[in-house]
Protein backbone atom coordinates (compact mmCIF):
# COMPACT_ATOMS: atom_id res chain seq x y z
CA MET A 1 -32.48 24.54 -5.16
CA ARG A 2 -29.86 26.34 -7.18
CA TYR A 3 -27.17 24.63 -9.18
CA ILE A 4 -23.73 25.84 -8.16
CA GLU A 5 -20.99 25.30 -10.70
CA THR A 6 -17.73 24.10 -9.21
CA SER A 7 -14.37 24.92 -10.69
CA GLN A 8 -11.87 22.33 -11.90
CA ASN A 9 -9.71 23.03 -8.83
CA ASP A 10 -12.62 22.30 -6.48
CA LYS A 11 -13.32 18.99 -8.27
CA TYR A 12 -9.66 18.03 -7.91
CA GLN A 13 -9.71 18.83 -4.19
CA ILE A 14 -12.91 16.85 -3.65
CA ALA A 15 -11.49 13.87 -5.55
CA MET A 16 -8.22 14.03 -3.60
CA LEU A 17 -10.02 14.24 -0.25
CA ALA A 18 -12.26 11.30 -1.19
CA PHE A 19 -9.22 9.23 -2.21
CA LEU A 20 -7.30 10.07 0.97
CA ALA A 21 -10.31 9.29 3.17
CA THR A 22 -10.81 5.96 1.41
CA PHE A 23 -7.11 5.09 1.61
CA PHE A 24 -6.94 6.00 5.31
CA THR A 25 -10.01 3.85 6.01
CA TYR A 26 -8.45 0.96 4.10
CA ILE A 27 -5.24 1.23 6.15
CA CYS A 28 -7.20 1.33 9.42
CA VAL A 29 -9.35 -1.70 8.51
CA TYR A 30 -6.58 -3.90 7.10
CA ASP A 31 -3.67 -2.73 9.28
CA PHE A 32 -3.36 -5.97 11.24
CA GLU A 33 -3.53 -8.16 8.13
CA LEU A 34 -0.98 -6.02 6.27
CA THR A 35 1.53 -6.00 9.12
CA HIS A 36 1.13 -9.62 10.28
CA PHE A 37 1.04 -11.40 6.94
CA GLY A 38 3.03 -14.56 6.53
CA LEU A 39 2.87 -17.81 4.63
CA SER A 40 3.17 -21.04 6.47
CA ILE A 41 4.62 -24.08 4.76
CA ASP A 42 1.23 -25.80 4.93
CA GLU A 43 -0.41 -23.12 2.77
CA GLU A 44 1.95 -23.35 -0.17
CA PHE A 45 0.42 -26.46 -1.75
CA ASN A 46 -3.29 -26.35 -1.03
CA ASN A 47 -5.16 -29.40 -2.44
CA ASN A 48 -2.44 -30.29 -4.92
CA ILE A 49 -2.92 -34.02 -5.50
CA SER A 50 0.23 -34.57 -7.55
CA HIS A 51 2.39 -32.87 -4.90
CA ASN A 52 0.79 -34.88 -2.08
CA THR A 53 1.31 -38.08 -4.02
CA ALA A 54 4.96 -37.20 -4.70
CA ILE A 55 5.73 -36.77 -1.01
CA GLY A 56 3.82 -39.89 -0.03
CA LEU A 57 0.63 -38.43 1.43
CA SER A 58 -2.70 -40.05 0.80
CA HIS A 59 -6.21 -38.99 1.69
């Protein structure tokens, strides 16, 4: 097996293609979560005892 030296331009192209492929895969996998993200009012204070006590909630 012979070692083939790659030029700096080839390394840049390989790195750019790897980045674009990874980024495209990330967009495809997380597309639904990225486009349908929202906070509900129930998620803002998760397990905050002092806040629950202040509004009169008890466990």
